[in-house]
Amino acid sequence: MGTTFVTLSRDVSDSEPGFWMRDGMLELWLRLLALHLPEPTNNGEYQATQKIRNKWLLASRGYFGGCVPHGMADACATPEGRAVIRIAIESLLTALTSASAPLDAETLNLLGIEGVQFASVERTWLKDIGHAFLDLLDGQINCTVSSTDVMPGSKRYSSNRGA
């Protein structure tokens, strides 16, 4: 299982902020996050949703070991895209907080992520990922591609947002 660097930049350099994630956890996060994107409305709200959802569903299929195309740079290229992503993250975090039991492996293995057999996943790990993504959106991540100090979903992540 590989790892992918998550950043908001299209061109990753040594100075771009971001963090590494194990591909399986990133794929699970993107799959769940895609399900929490707001639906586009008839009055034009959330039009970025469909494009982002399609990218995340493909990226979370399990085809891209070592370089999951999370598409955060494209998704965050506009204020509307950033807002849609923030809504999805906050919705998923709320859902994760609604119970404390781990997400069971049998259910996770129904999500259509190929080549991965999940064990049960603690909600804390997914909440850590959510907080890291919000911190990335808010410019609060100082790590770069040369550091594994922040690795949500694998290492406990500390955020000022709380657990």
N, C-alpha and C. Protein backbone atom coordinates (compact mmCIF):
# COMPACT_ATOMS: atom_id res chain seq x y z
N MET A 1 0.85 -1.17 0.00
CA MET A 1 0.00 0.00 0.00
C MET A 1 0.89 1.23 0.00
N GLY A 2 0.61 2.16 -0.89
CA GLY A 2 1.42 3.36 -1.03
C GLY A 2 0.92 4.51 -0.19
N THR A 3 1.56 5.65 -0.40
CA THR A 3 1.16 6.89 0.26
C THR A 3 1.04 7.99 -0.78
N THR A 4 0.24 8.99 -0.46
CA THR A 4 0.01 10.13 -1.36
C THR A 4 0.16 11.41 -0.56
N PHE A 5 0.77 12.42 -1.18
CA PHE A 5 0.90 13.72 -0.55
C PHE A 5 -0.34 14.54 -0.89
N VAL A 6 -1.02 15.04 0.14
CA VAL A 6 -2.23 15.84 -0.02
C VAL A 6 -1.85 17.31 0.13
N THR A 7 -2.10 18.08 -0.90
CA THR A 7 -1.79 19.50 -0.92
C THR A 7 -2.85 20.21 -1.76
N LEU A 8 -2.89 21.52 -1.68
CA LEU A 8 -3.80 22.30 -2.50
C LEU A 8 -3.13 22.81 -3.76
N SER A 9 -1.89 22.43 -3.97
CA SER A 9 -1.12 22.90 -5.12
C SER A 9 -1.10 21.85 -6.22
N ARG A 10 -1.10 22.30 -7.46
CA ARG A 10 -0.98 21.38 -8.60
C ARG A 10 0.45 20.90 -8.77
N ASP A 11 1.40 21.78 -8.48
CA ASP A 11 2.81 21.47 -8.64
C ASP A 11 3.44 21.36 -7.26
N VAL A 12 3.71 20.16 -6.85
CA VAL A 12 4.26 19.94 -5.52
C VAL A 12 5.75 20.28 -5.52
N SER A 13 6.11 21.21 -4.66
CA SER A 13 7.51 21.56 -4.47
C SER A 13 7.85 21.33 -3.00
N ASP A 14 9.12 21.50 -2.69
CA ASP A 14 9.56 21.29 -1.30
C ASP A 14 8.94 22.29 -0.33
N SER A 15 8.39 23.38 -0.82
CA SER A 15 7.85 24.40 0.08
C SER A 15 6.32 24.37 0.18
N GLU A 16 5.66 23.56 -0.61
CA GLU A 16 4.19 23.51 -0.58
C GLU A 16 3.70 22.81 0.68
N PRO A 17 2.76 23.43 1.41
CA PRO A 17 2.23 22.77 2.61
C PRO A 17 1.31 21.62 2.24
N GLY A 18 1.32 20.62 3.09
CA GLY A 18 0.47 19.45 2.90
C GLY A 18 0.87 18.36 3.86
N PHE A 19 0.35 17.17 3.61
CA PHE A 19 0.66 16.04 4.48
C PHE A 19 0.53 14.74 3.69
N TRP A 20 1.23 13.74 4.16
CA TRP A 20 1.17 12.41 3.57
C TRP A 20 0.04 11.61 4.20
N MET A 21 -0.57 10.75 3.39
CA MET A 21 -1.59 9.82 3.89
C MET A 21 -1.38 8.47 3.24
N ARG A 22 -1.69 7.42 3.97
CA ARG A 22 -1.73 6.08 3.38
C ARG A 22 -2.89 6.05 2.39
N ASP A 23 -2.65 5.43 1.26
CA ASP A 23 -3.65 5.44 0.19
C ASP A 23 -4.99 4.86 0.61
N GLY A 24 -4.98 3.78 1.36
CA GLY A 24 -6.24 3.16 1.78
C GLY A 24 -7.09 4.10 2.62
N MET A 25 -6.47 4.83 3.53
CA MET A 25 -7.21 5.78 4.34
C MET A 25 -7.68 6.99 3.52
N LEU A 26 -6.83 7.44 2.58
CA LEU A 26 -7.23 8.55 1.72
C LEU A 26 -8.39 8.14 0.82
N GLU A 27 -8.34 6.94 0.29
CA GLU A 27 -9.44 6.46 -0.55
C GLU A 27 -10.73 6.34 0.25
N LEU A 28 -10.65 5.81 1.45
CA LEU A 28 -11.84 5.72 2.30
C LEU A 28 -12.37 7.11 2.61
N TRP A 29 -11.48 8.03 2.98
CA TRP A 29 -11.90 9.40 3.29
C TRP A 29 -12.59 10.04 2.08
N LEU A 30 -11.99 9.93 0.89
CA LEU A 30 -12.59 10.54 -0.30
C LEU A 30 -13.93 9.91 -0.63
N ARG A 31 -14.05 8.59 -0.45
CA ARG A 31 -15.33 7.92 -0.74
C ARG A 31 -16.42 8.44 0.20
N LEU A 32 -16.11 8.49 1.49
CA LEU A 32 -17.10 8.99 2.46
C LEU A 32 -17.38 10.47 2.24
N LEU A 33 -16.35 11.24 1.94
CA LEU A 33 -16.52 12.67 1.72
C LEU A 33 -17.39 12.95 0.49
N ALA A 34 -17.23 12.15 -0.55
CA ALA A 34 -18.06 12.31 -1.76
C ALA A 34 -19.53 12.17 -1.43
N LEU A 35 -19.84 11.30 -0.48
CA LEU A 35 -21.23 11.07 -0.10
C LEU A 35 -21.80 12.22 0.74
N HIS A 36 -20.95 13.09 1.23
CA HIS A 36 -21.39 14.21 2.06
C HIS A 36 -21.36 15.55 1.33
N LEU A 37 -21.02 15.55 0.06
CA LEU A 37 -21.07 16.79 -0.70
C LEU A 37 -22.52 17.24 -0.85
N PRO A 38 -22.76 18.54 -0.77
CA PRO A 38 -24.14 19.02 -0.94
C PRO A 38 -24.58 18.83 -2.40
N GLU A 39 -25.87 18.60 -2.57
CA GLU A 39 -26.41 18.44 -3.92
C GLU A 39 -26.57 19.80 -4.59
N PRO A 40 -26.27 19.89 -5.89
CA PRO A 40 -26.51 21.15 -6.61
C PRO A 40 -28.00 21.50 -6.56
N THR A 41 -28.29 22.78 -6.49
CA THR A 41 -29.69 23.22 -6.42
C THR A 41 -30.10 23.83 -7.75
N ASN A 42 -31.40 23.96 -7.95
CA ASN A 42 -31.93 24.56 -9.17
C ASN A 42 -31.60 26.04 -9.27
N ASN A 43 -31.33 26.70 -8.15
CA ASN A 43 -31.00 28.12 -8.21
C ASN A 43 -29.51 28.38 -8.34
N GLY A 44 -28.74 27.35 -8.68
CA GLY A 44 -27.33 27.52 -9.01
C GLY A 44 -26.34 27.30 -7.89
N GLU A 45 -26.80 26.97 -6.70
CA GLU A 45 -25.86 26.71 -5.61
C GLU A 45 -25.20 25.35 -5.78
N TYR A 46 -23.97 25.27 -5.34
CA TYR A 46 -23.20 24.01 -5.27
C TYR A 46 -23.00 23.36 -6.64
N GLN A 47 -22.82 24.15 -7.68
CA GLN A 47 -22.62 23.60 -9.01
C GLN A 47 -21.29 22.85 -9.13
N ALA A 48 -20.33 23.15 -8.27
CA ALA A 48 -19.03 22.47 -8.31
C ALA A 48 -19.12 21.04 -7.81
N THR A 49 -20.21 20.70 -7.14
CA THR A 49 -20.33 19.40 -6.48
C THR A 49 -20.16 18.22 -7.43
N GLN A 50 -20.83 18.21 -8.55
CA GLN A 50 -20.82 17.04 -9.42
C GLN A 50 -19.42 16.71 -9.93
N LYS A 51 -18.69 17.73 -10.34
CA LYS A 51 -17.33 17.52 -10.85
C LYS A 51 -16.42 16.96 -9.74
N ILE A 52 -16.52 17.56 -8.55
CA ILE A 52 -15.70 17.11 -7.42
C ILE A 52 -16.09 15.67 -7.05
N ARG A 53 -17.39 15.39 -6.96
CA ARG A 53 -17.85 14.05 -6.58
C ARG A 53 -17.33 13.00 -7.57
N ASN A 54 -17.44 13.27 -8.85
CA ASN A 54 -16.98 12.31 -9.86
C ASN A 54 -15.49 12.03 -9.71
N LYS A 55 -14.69 13.07 -9.49
CA LYS A 55 -13.24 12.87 -9.31
C LYS A 55 -12.95 12.04 -8.06
N TRP A 56 -13.65 12.35 -6.96
CA TRP A 56 -13.38 11.63 -5.71
C TRP A 56 -13.85 10.19 -5.78
N LEU A 57 -14.95 9.93 -6.45
CA LEU A 57 -15.40 8.54 -6.57
C LEU A 57 -14.42 7.73 -7.39
N LEU A 58 -13.88 8.30 -8.45
CA LEU A 58 -12.87 7.60 -9.24
C LEU A 58 -11.58 7.44 -8.43
N ALA A 59 -11.14 8.52 -7.78
CA ALA A 59 -9.90 8.47 -7.01
C ALA A 59 -9.97 7.45 -5.87
N SER A 60 -11.17 7.17 -5.39
CA SER A 60 -11.33 6.26 -4.25
C SER A 60 -11.64 4.83 -4.67
N ARG A 61 -11.48 4.50 -5.92
CA ARG A 61 -11.77 3.13 -6.39
C ARG A 61 -10.67 2.13 -6.06
N GLY A 62 -9.48 2.58 -5.74
CA GLY A 62 -8.40 1.67 -5.42
C GLY A 62 -7.46 1.43 -6.58
N TYR A 63 -7.53 2.25 -7.62
CA TYR A 63 -6.72 2.06 -8.83
C TYR A 63 -5.38 2.77 -8.81
N PHE A 64 -5.14 3.65 -7.86
CA PHE A 64 -4.04 4.60 -7.98
C PHE A 64 -3.01 4.47 -6.87
N GLY A 65 -2.55 3.29 -6.55
CA GLY A 65 -1.59 3.09 -5.48
C GLY A 65 -0.36 3.97 -5.61
N GLY A 66 -0.09 4.74 -4.56
CA GLY A 66 1.10 5.58 -4.52
C GLY A 66 0.88 6.98 -5.07
N CYS A 67 -0.28 7.24 -5.64
CA CYS A 67 -0.55 8.57 -6.18
C CYS A 67 -2.05 8.74 -6.39
N VAL A 68 -2.81 8.75 -5.32
CA VAL A 68 -4.26 8.90 -5.40
C VAL A 68 -4.57 10.32 -5.89
N PRO A 69 -5.28 10.47 -7.01
CA PRO A 69 -5.56 11.80 -7.55
C PRO A 69 -6.69 12.49 -6.80
N HIS A 70 -6.38 13.01 -5.62
CA HIS A 70 -7.39 13.59 -4.74
C HIS A 70 -8.02 14.86 -5.30
N GLY A 71 -7.37 15.53 -6.22
CA GLY A 71 -7.94 16.67 -6.90
C GLY A 71 -8.21 17.89 -6.04
N MET A 72 -7.53 18.00 -4.92
CA MET A 72 -7.78 19.14 -4.03
C MET A 72 -7.41 20.47 -4.68
N ALA A 73 -6.38 20.50 -5.50
CA ALA A 73 -5.99 21.76 -6.15
C ALA A 73 -7.11 22.26 -7.05
N ASP A 74 -7.65 21.37 -7.87
CA ASP A 74 -8.75 21.77 -8.76
C ASP A 74 -10.01 22.10 -7.98
N ALA A 75 -10.33 21.29 -7.00
CA ALA A 75 -11.55 21.49 -6.23
C ALA A 75 -11.51 22.80 -5.45
N CYS A 76 -10.32 23.20 -5.02
CA CYS A 76 -10.18 24.42 -4.21
C CYS A 76 -9.79 25.64 -5.04
N ALA A 77 -9.83 25.52 -6.35
CA ALA A 77 -9.41 26.62 -7.22
C ALA A 77 -10.37 27.81 -7.17
N THR A 78 -11.60 27.57 -6.74
CA THR A 78 -12.59 28.66 -6.66
C THR A 78 -13.13 28.76 -5.24
N PRO A 79 -13.63 29.91 -4.86
CA PRO A 79 -14.26 30.03 -3.54
C PRO A 79 -15.45 29.07 -3.39
N GLU A 80 -16.22 28.86 -4.46
CA GLU A 80 -17.34 27.93 -4.38
C GLU A 80 -16.85 26.51 -4.12
N GLY A 81 -15.78 26.10 -4.79
CA GLY A 81 -15.23 24.77 -4.57
C GLY A 81 -14.76 24.58 -3.13
N ARG A 82 -14.06 25.56 -2.60
CA ARG A 82 -13.61 25.50 -1.21
C ARG A 82 -14.80 25.40 -0.25
N ALA A 83 -15.84 26.18 -0.54
CA ALA A 83 -17.02 26.17 0.33
C ALA A 83 -17.70 24.81 0.30
N VAL A 84 -17.81 24.21 -0.88
CA VAL A 84 -18.45 22.90 -1.02
C VAL A 84 -17.65 21.84 -0.26
N ILE A 85 -16.33 21.90 -0.37
CA ILE A 85 -15.49 20.93 0.33
C ILE A 85 -15.63 21.11 1.85
N ARG A 86 -15.64 22.34 2.30
CA ARG A 86 -15.80 22.60 3.74
C ARG A 86 -17.14 22.06 4.25
N ILE A 87 -18.20 22.27 3.48
CA ILE A 87 -19.52 21.75 3.86
C ILE A 87 -19.47 20.23 3.98
N ALA A 88 -18.84 19.57 3.01
CA ALA A 88 -18.76 18.10 3.04
C ALA A 88 -17.96 17.61 4.24
N ILE A 89 -16.82 18.25 4.51
CA ILE A 89 -15.99 17.83 5.65
C ILE A 89 -16.76 18.01 6.95
N GLU A 90 -17.40 19.15 7.13
CA GLU A 90 -18.14 19.40 8.37
C GLU A 90 -19.32 18.44 8.51
N SER A 91 -19.98 18.11 7.40
CA SER A 91 -21.07 17.13 7.44
C SER A 91 -20.56 15.76 7.85
N LEU A 92 -19.46 15.33 7.26
CA LEU A 92 -18.90 14.02 7.60
C LEU A 92 -18.42 13.99 9.04
N LEU A 93 -17.78 15.06 9.49
CA LEU A 93 -17.33 15.11 10.89
C LEU A 93 -18.51 15.02 11.85
N THR A 94 -19.60 15.69 11.52
CA THR A 94 -20.80 15.61 12.36
C THR A 94 -21.31 14.18 12.41
N ALA A 95 -21.36 13.52 11.27
CA ALA A 95 -21.82 12.13 11.23
C ALA A 95 -20.89 11.21 12.02
N LEU A 96 -19.59 11.44 11.93
CA LEU A 96 -18.63 10.62 12.66
C LEU A 96 -18.75 10.81 14.17
N THR A 97 -19.19 11.96 14.59
CA THR A 97 -19.33 12.27 16.01
C THR A 97 -20.62 11.70 16.59
N SER A 98 -21.55 11.29 15.74
CA SER A 98 -22.86 10.84 16.22
C SER A 98 -22.81 9.51 16.97
N ALA A 99 -21.73 8.78 16.85
CA ALA A 99 -21.57 7.52 17.58
C ALA A 99 -20.09 7.32 17.85
N SER A 100 -19.78 6.37 18.73
CA SER A 100 -18.37 6.15 19.06
C SER A 100 -17.85 4.81 18.56
N ALA A 101 -18.74 3.93 18.14
CA ALA A 101 -18.30 2.60 17.70
C ALA A 101 -17.47 2.72 16.41
N PRO A 102 -16.47 1.88 16.27
CA PRO A 102 -15.70 1.88 15.02
C PRO A 102 -16.60 1.57 13.83
N LEU A 103 -16.17 2.00 12.65
CA LEU A 103 -16.87 1.63 11.43
C LEU A 103 -16.45 0.20 11.11
N ASP A 104 -17.42 -0.70 11.01
CA ASP A 104 -17.06 -2.11 10.90
C ASP A 104 -16.58 -2.48 9.50
N ALA A 105 -15.68 -3.44 9.46
CA ALA A 105 -15.03 -3.86 8.22
C ALA A 105 -16.02 -4.35 7.18
N GLU A 106 -17.03 -5.10 7.59
CA GLU A 106 -17.98 -5.65 6.63
C GLU A 106 -18.68 -4.54 5.86
N THR A 107 -19.05 -3.48 6.53
CA THR A 107 -19.70 -2.35 5.87
C THR A 107 -18.72 -1.59 4.99
N LEU A 108 -17.53 -1.32 5.50
CA LEU A 108 -16.53 -0.59 4.70
C LEU A 108 -16.18 -1.33 3.43
N ASN A 109 -16.15 -2.65 3.50
CA ASN A 109 -15.80 -3.43 2.31
C ASN A 109 -16.90 -3.44 1.25
N LEU A 110 -18.06 -2.88 1.56
CA LEU A 110 -19.14 -2.74 0.58
C LEU A 110 -19.04 -1.46 -0.24
N LEU A 111 -18.10 -0.59 0.08
CA LEU A 111 -18.02 0.74 -0.54
C LEU A 111 -17.43 0.76 -1.94
N GLY A 112 -16.98 -0.37 -2.45
CA GLY A 112 -16.48 -0.43 -3.82
C GLY A 112 -15.07 0.05 -4.00
N ILE A 113 -14.26 -0.03 -2.97
CA ILE A 113 -12.85 0.32 -3.08
C ILE A 113 -12.10 -0.97 -3.37
N GLU A 114 -11.63 -1.10 -4.59
CA GLU A 114 -11.04 -2.36 -5.04
C GLU A 114 -9.64 -2.57 -4.49
N GLY A 115 -9.31 -3.82 -4.24
CA GLY A 115 -7.97 -4.18 -3.81
C GLY A 115 -7.69 -3.89 -2.35
N VAL A 116 -8.69 -3.46 -1.60
CA VAL A 116 -8.51 -3.15 -0.18
C VAL A 116 -9.51 -3.98 0.61
N GLN A 117 -9.03 -4.66 1.61
CA GLN A 117 -9.89 -5.34 2.57
C GLN A 117 -9.71 -4.61 3.89
N PHE A 118 -10.73 -3.84 4.25
CA PHE A 118 -10.62 -3.03 5.46
C PHE A 118 -10.78 -3.87 6.71
N ALA A 119 -10.07 -3.45 7.73
CA ALA A 119 -10.37 -3.88 9.10
C ALA A 119 -11.29 -2.78 9.63
N SER A 120 -11.85 -2.97 10.78
CA SER A 120 -12.65 -1.91 11.38
C SER A 120 -11.80 -0.66 11.54
N VAL A 121 -12.42 0.50 11.35
CA VAL A 121 -11.70 1.77 11.41
C VAL A 121 -12.27 2.63 12.53
N GLU A 122 -11.39 3.07 13.40
CA GLU A 122 -11.79 3.94 14.50
C GLU A 122 -12.22 5.29 13.95
N ARG A 123 -13.30 5.82 14.45
CA ARG A 123 -13.79 7.12 14.02
C ARG A 123 -12.78 8.23 14.30
N THR A 124 -12.00 8.05 15.36
CA THR A 124 -10.99 9.06 15.71
C THR A 124 -10.03 9.30 14.57
N TRP A 125 -9.64 8.21 13.87
CA TRP A 125 -8.71 8.36 12.74
C TRP A 125 -9.35 9.21 11.64
N LEU A 126 -10.61 8.96 11.35
CA LEU A 126 -11.29 9.72 10.30
C LEU A 126 -11.53 11.17 10.73
N LYS A 127 -11.81 11.38 12.00
CA LYS A 127 -11.96 12.76 12.50
C LYS A 127 -10.63 13.50 12.40
N ASP A 128 -9.53 12.82 12.72
CA ASP A 128 -8.21 13.43 12.56
C ASP A 128 -7.98 13.86 11.11
N ILE A 129 -8.36 13.01 10.17
CA ILE A 129 -8.21 13.34 8.75
C ILE A 129 -9.04 14.58 8.42
N GLY A 130 -10.27 14.62 8.91
CA GLY A 130 -11.13 15.77 8.66
C GLY A 130 -10.53 17.06 9.19
N HIS A 131 -9.99 17.02 10.39
CA HIS A 131 -9.38 18.22 10.98
C HIS A 131 -8.14 18.63 10.19
N ALA A 132 -7.36 17.65 9.72
CA ALA A 132 -6.18 17.97 8.91
C ALA A 132 -6.59 18.62 7.59
N PHE A 133 -7.65 18.11 6.96
CA PHE A 133 -8.13 18.71 5.71
C PHE A 133 -8.62 20.14 5.96
N LEU A 134 -9.35 20.37 7.04
CA LEU A 134 -9.79 21.73 7.36
C LEU A 134 -8.60 22.65 7.62
N ASP A 135 -7.61 22.14 8.35
CA ASP A 135 -6.40 22.93 8.61
C ASP A 135 -5.66 23.25 7.31
N LEU A 136 -5.64 22.30 6.38
CA LEU A 136 -5.01 22.55 5.08
C LEU A 136 -5.77 23.67 4.34
N LEU A 137 -7.09 23.60 4.35
CA LEU A 137 -7.90 24.65 3.71
C LEU A 137 -7.65 26.02 4.34
N ASP A 138 -7.42 26.04 5.64
CA ASP A 138 -7.24 27.29 6.38
C ASP A 138 -5.79 27.74 6.47
N GLY A 139 -4.87 27.06 5.80
CA GLY A 139 -3.47 27.45 5.81
C GLY A 139 -2.76 27.17 7.12
N GLN A 140 -3.26 26.18 7.88
CA GLN A 140 -2.69 25.86 9.19
C GLN A 140 -1.71 24.69 9.18
N ILE A 141 -1.46 24.13 8.01
CA ILE A 141 -0.51 23.01 7.89
C ILE A 141 0.84 23.58 7.47
N ASN A 142 1.88 23.26 8.23
CA ASN A 142 3.22 23.76 7.94
C ASN A 142 4.15 22.70 7.39
N CYS A 143 3.71 21.46 7.36
CA CYS A 143 4.56 20.37 6.86
C CYS A 143 4.64 20.45 5.34
N THR A 144 5.69 19.87 4.81
CA THR A 144 5.89 19.83 3.37
C THR A 144 6.13 18.39 2.94
N VAL A 145 6.37 18.21 1.66
CA VAL A 145 6.55 16.88 1.09
C VAL A 145 7.73 16.13 1.73
N SER A 146 8.67 16.84 2.30
CA SER A 146 9.84 16.19 2.90
C SER A 146 9.62 15.76 4.35
N SER A 147 8.39 15.93 4.87
CA SER A 147 8.13 15.62 6.27
C SER A 147 6.95 14.65 6.40
N THR A 148 7.07 13.75 7.35
CA THR A 148 5.95 12.87 7.70
C THR A 148 5.48 13.14 9.12
N ASP A 149 5.77 14.35 9.63
CA ASP A 149 5.33 14.71 10.98
C ASP A 149 3.81 14.67 11.09
N VAL A 150 3.12 15.11 10.04
CA VAL A 150 1.66 15.06 9.98
C VAL A 150 1.29 13.97 8.99
N MET A 151 0.60 12.95 9.48
CA MET A 151 0.17 11.84 8.65
C MET A 151 -1.16 11.34 9.19
N PRO A 152 -2.24 12.14 8.99
CA PRO A 152 -3.53 11.78 9.58
C PRO A 152 -4.02 10.43 9.07
N GLY A 153 -4.64 9.70 9.97
CA GLY A 153 -5.09 8.36 9.63
C GLY A 153 -4.06 7.30 9.96
N SER A 154 -2.82 7.74 10.21
CA SER A 154 -1.74 6.83 10.60
C SER A 154 -1.10 7.25 11.91
N LYS A 155 -0.91 8.56 12.06
CA LYS A 155 -0.36 9.14 13.28
C LYS A 155 -1.44 10.04 13.87
N ARG A 156 -1.52 10.08 15.17
CA ARG A 156 -2.48 10.95 15.84
C ARG A 156 -2.24 12.38 15.39
N TYR A 157 -3.29 13.08 14.99
CA TYR A 157 -3.18 14.45 14.52
C TYR A 157 -3.71 15.41 15.58
N SER A 158 -2.92 16.43 15.88
CA SER A 158 -3.32 17.44 16.84
C SER A 158 -3.77 18.67 16.09
N SER A 159 -4.97 19.11 16.37
CA SER A 159 -5.52 20.30 15.75
C SER A 159 -6.13 21.16 16.85
N ASN A 160 -6.15 22.44 16.61
CA ASN A 160 -6.79 23.35 17.57
C ASN A 160 -8.30 23.26 17.50
N ARG A 161 -8.84 22.49 16.59
CA ARG A 161 -10.27 22.39 16.38
C ARG A 161 -10.95 21.49 17.41
N GLY A 162 -10.18 20.66 18.12
CA GLY A 162 -10.76 19.73 19.08
C GLY A 162 -11.04 18.39 18.43
N ALA A 163 -11.43 17.44 19.23
CA ALA A 163 -11.68 16.10 18.72
C ALA A 163 -13.10 15.96 18.49
